[in-house]
Structure formats: C-alpha cells, structure tokens
C-alpha cells in the first residue's frame, strides 16, 4: 500500500474530518481512546496481515511511528 492510500484509508477508518499526516500525533486526537486503539489494531491487522496488540501501541505517538511499527518496507513511496 502506498503512503497516501494508507493515510486516506486510516483517516476514513477513524472517521476523522481532517486528513491524517505522518506527523499527526495520534494521542492528541480528540477521539483517541481505547476504542480507537482497537479500531487501529483491527485496521493494521486486516491491511498488513500482522498481529498488533494493544501493548504494541504504547510506543506509537504519530502516524509515522505507527507506520514504522508496521514496517516501512510495507509502504510504497
């Protein structure tokens, strides 16, 4: 998946009005809570065939750091 498609799909999944950027701090989003974390995990697991857990998100601050956790090699430029 390319970065732009990821940002668009992730924004839609989180039902955000404003688009996400790689430097968006997820923890500063008004709606970031445990439910949003679960939605994020389900999104990543579905699209990247990985098995993230809630504890994995403890190192995530920005969308970019989430992408690093997923593995930058999984994103086309």
C-alpha atoms as a PDB file:
ATOM      1  CA  UNK A   1       0.000   0.000   0.000  1.00  0.00           C
ATOM      2  CA  UNK A   2       1.378   3.429  -0.754  1.00  0.00           C
ATOM      3  CA  UNK A   3       1.652   6.048   1.971  1.00  0.00           C
ATOM      4  CA  UNK A   4      -1.074   8.265   0.532  1.00  0.00           C
ATOM      5  CA  UNK A   5      -3.580   5.400   0.331  1.00  0.00           C
ATOM      6  CA  UNK A   6      -2.714   4.383   3.888  1.00  0.00           C
ATOM      7  CA  UNK A   7      -3.288   7.906   5.197  1.00  0.00           C
ATOM      8  CA  UNK A   8      -6.601   8.175   3.339  1.00  0.00           C
ATOM      9  CA  UNK A   9      -7.898   4.762   4.430  1.00  0.00           C
ATOM     10  CA  UNK A  10      -6.765   5.233   8.020  1.00  0.00           C
ATOM     11  CA  UNK A  11      -8.446   8.671   8.156  1.00  0.00           C
ATOM     12  CA  UNK A  12     -11.675   7.135   6.825  1.00  0.00           C
ATOM     13  CA  UNK A  13     -11.460   4.210   9.239  1.00  0.00           C
ATOM     14  CA  UNK A  14     -11.130   6.569  12.194  1.00  0.00           C
ATOM     15  CA  UNK A  15     -13.974   8.684  10.731  1.00  0.00           C
ATOM     16  CA  UNK A  16     -11.939  11.877  11.019  1.00  0.00           C
ATOM     17  CA  UNK A  17     -12.934  15.059   9.213  1.00  0.00           C
ATOM     18  CA  UNK A  18      -9.362  16.291   8.831  1.00  0.00           C
ATOM     19  CA  UNK A  19      -6.866  14.137   6.976  1.00  0.00           C
ATOM     20  CA  UNK A  20      -4.014  12.492   8.812  1.00  0.00           C
ATOM     21  CA  UNK A  21      -0.386  13.260   8.044  1.00  0.00           C
ATOM     22  CA  UNK A  22       2.640  11.204   9.029  1.00  0.00           C
ATOM     23  CA  UNK A  23       3.474  13.760  11.719  1.00  0.00           C
ATOM     24  CA  UNK A  24      -0.044  13.766  13.216  1.00  0.00           C
ATOM     25  CA  UNK A  25       0.180  12.945  16.916  1.00  0.00           C
ATOM     26  CA  UNK A  26      -2.470  10.282  17.411  1.00  0.00           C
ATOM     27  CA  UNK A  27      -2.626  10.745  21.155  1.00  0.00           C
ATOM     28  CA  UNK A  28      -3.615  14.399  20.627  1.00  0.00           C
ATOM     29  CA  UNK A  29      -6.697  13.489  18.571  1.00  0.00           C
ATOM     30  CA  UNK A  30      -9.924  14.373  20.378  1.00  0.00           C
ATOM     31  CA  UNK A  31     -11.338  10.912  19.791  1.00  0.00           C
ATOM     32  CA  UNK A  32      -8.205   8.882  20.621  1.00  0.00           C
ATOM     33  CA  UNK A  33      -9.216   6.370  23.276  1.00  0.00           C
ATOM     34  CA  UNK A  34      -9.177   2.636  23.906  1.00  0.00           C
ATOM     35  CA  UNK A  35     -11.869   2.047  21.270  1.00  0.00           C
ATOM     36  CA  UNK A  36      -9.838   3.945  18.685  1.00  0.00           C
ATOM     37  CA  UNK A  37      -6.814   1.866  19.611  1.00  0.00           C
ATOM     38  CA  UNK A  38      -8.818  -1.307  18.971  1.00  0.00           C
ATOM     39  CA  UNK A  39     -10.013   0.063  15.617  1.00  0.00           C
ATOM     40  CA  UNK A  40      -6.400   0.890  14.740  1.00  0.00           C
ATOM     41  CA  UNK A  41      -5.248  -2.616  15.631  1.00  0.00           C
ATOM     42  CA  UNK A  42      -8.030  -4.173  13.542  1.00  0.00           C
ATOM     43  CA  UNK A  43      -7.193  -1.876  10.599  1.00  0.00           C
ATOM     44  CA  UNK A  44      -3.486  -2.711  10.712  1.00  0.00           C
ATOM     45  CA  UNK A  45      -4.093  -6.433  11.191  1.00  0.00           C
ATOM     46  CA  UNK A  46      -6.507  -6.525   8.247  1.00  0.00           C
ATOM     47  CA  UNK A  47      -4.459  -4.490   5.786  1.00  0.00           C
ATOM     48  CA  UNK A  48      -0.982  -5.683   6.714  1.00  0.00           C
ATOM     49  CA  UNK A  49      -1.618  -9.245   7.862  1.00  0.00           C
ATOM     50  CA  UNK A  50       0.134  -8.588  11.126  1.00  0.00           C
ATOM     51  CA  UNK A  51      -0.865  -9.226  14.711  1.00  0.00           C
ATOM     52  CA  UNK A  52      -0.573  -5.979  16.653  1.00  0.00           C
ATOM     53  CA  UNK A  53      -1.602  -5.892  20.275  1.00  0.00           C
ATOM     54  CA  UNK A  54      -2.651  -3.006  22.495  1.00  0.00           C
ATOM     55  CA  UNK A  55       0.739  -3.071  24.212  1.00  0.00           C
ATOM     56  CA  UNK A  56       2.420  -2.529  20.824  1.00  0.00           C
ATOM     57  CA  UNK A  57       0.683   0.840  20.560  1.00  0.00           C
ATOM     58  CA  UNK A  58       2.430   2.105  23.696  1.00  0.00           C
ATOM     59  CA  UNK A  59       5.413   3.112  21.530  1.00  0.00           C
ATOM     60  CA  UNK A  60       3.238   4.843  18.945  1.00  0.00           C
ATOM     61  CA  UNK A  61       2.823   8.594  19.090  1.00  0.00           C
ATOM     62  CA  UNK A  62       2.499   9.754  15.486  1.00  0.00           C
ATOM     63  CA  UNK A  63       1.062   8.181  12.375  1.00  0.00           C
ATOM     64  CA  UNK A  64       4.670   7.884  11.181  1.00  0.00           C
ATOM     65  CA  UNK A  65       5.642   5.897  14.264  1.00  0.00           C
ATOM     66  CA  UNK A  66       2.670   3.594  13.607  1.00  0.00           C
ATOM     67  CA  UNK A  67       3.960   3.124  10.070  1.00  0.00           C
ATOM     68  CA  UNK A  68       7.407   2.295  11.459  1.00  0.00           C
ATOM     69  CA  UNK A  69       5.836  -0.267  13.796  1.00  0.00           C
ATOM     70  CA  UNK A  70       4.028  -1.835  10.842  1.00  0.00           C
ATOM     71  CA  UNK A  71       7.283  -1.762   8.877  1.00  0.00           C
ATOM     72  CA  UNK A  72       8.228   0.985   6.444  1.00  0.00           C
ATOM     73  CA  UNK A  73       9.045  -1.692   3.875  1.00  0.00           C
ATOM     74  CA  UNK A  74       5.284  -2.344   3.642  1.00  0.00           C
ATOM     75  CA  UNK A  75       4.680   1.105   2.142  1.00  0.00           C
ATOM     76  CA  UNK A  76       5.360   2.201  -1.410  1.00  0.00           C
ATOM     77  CA  UNK A  77       6.552   5.775  -1.751  1.00  0.00           C
END
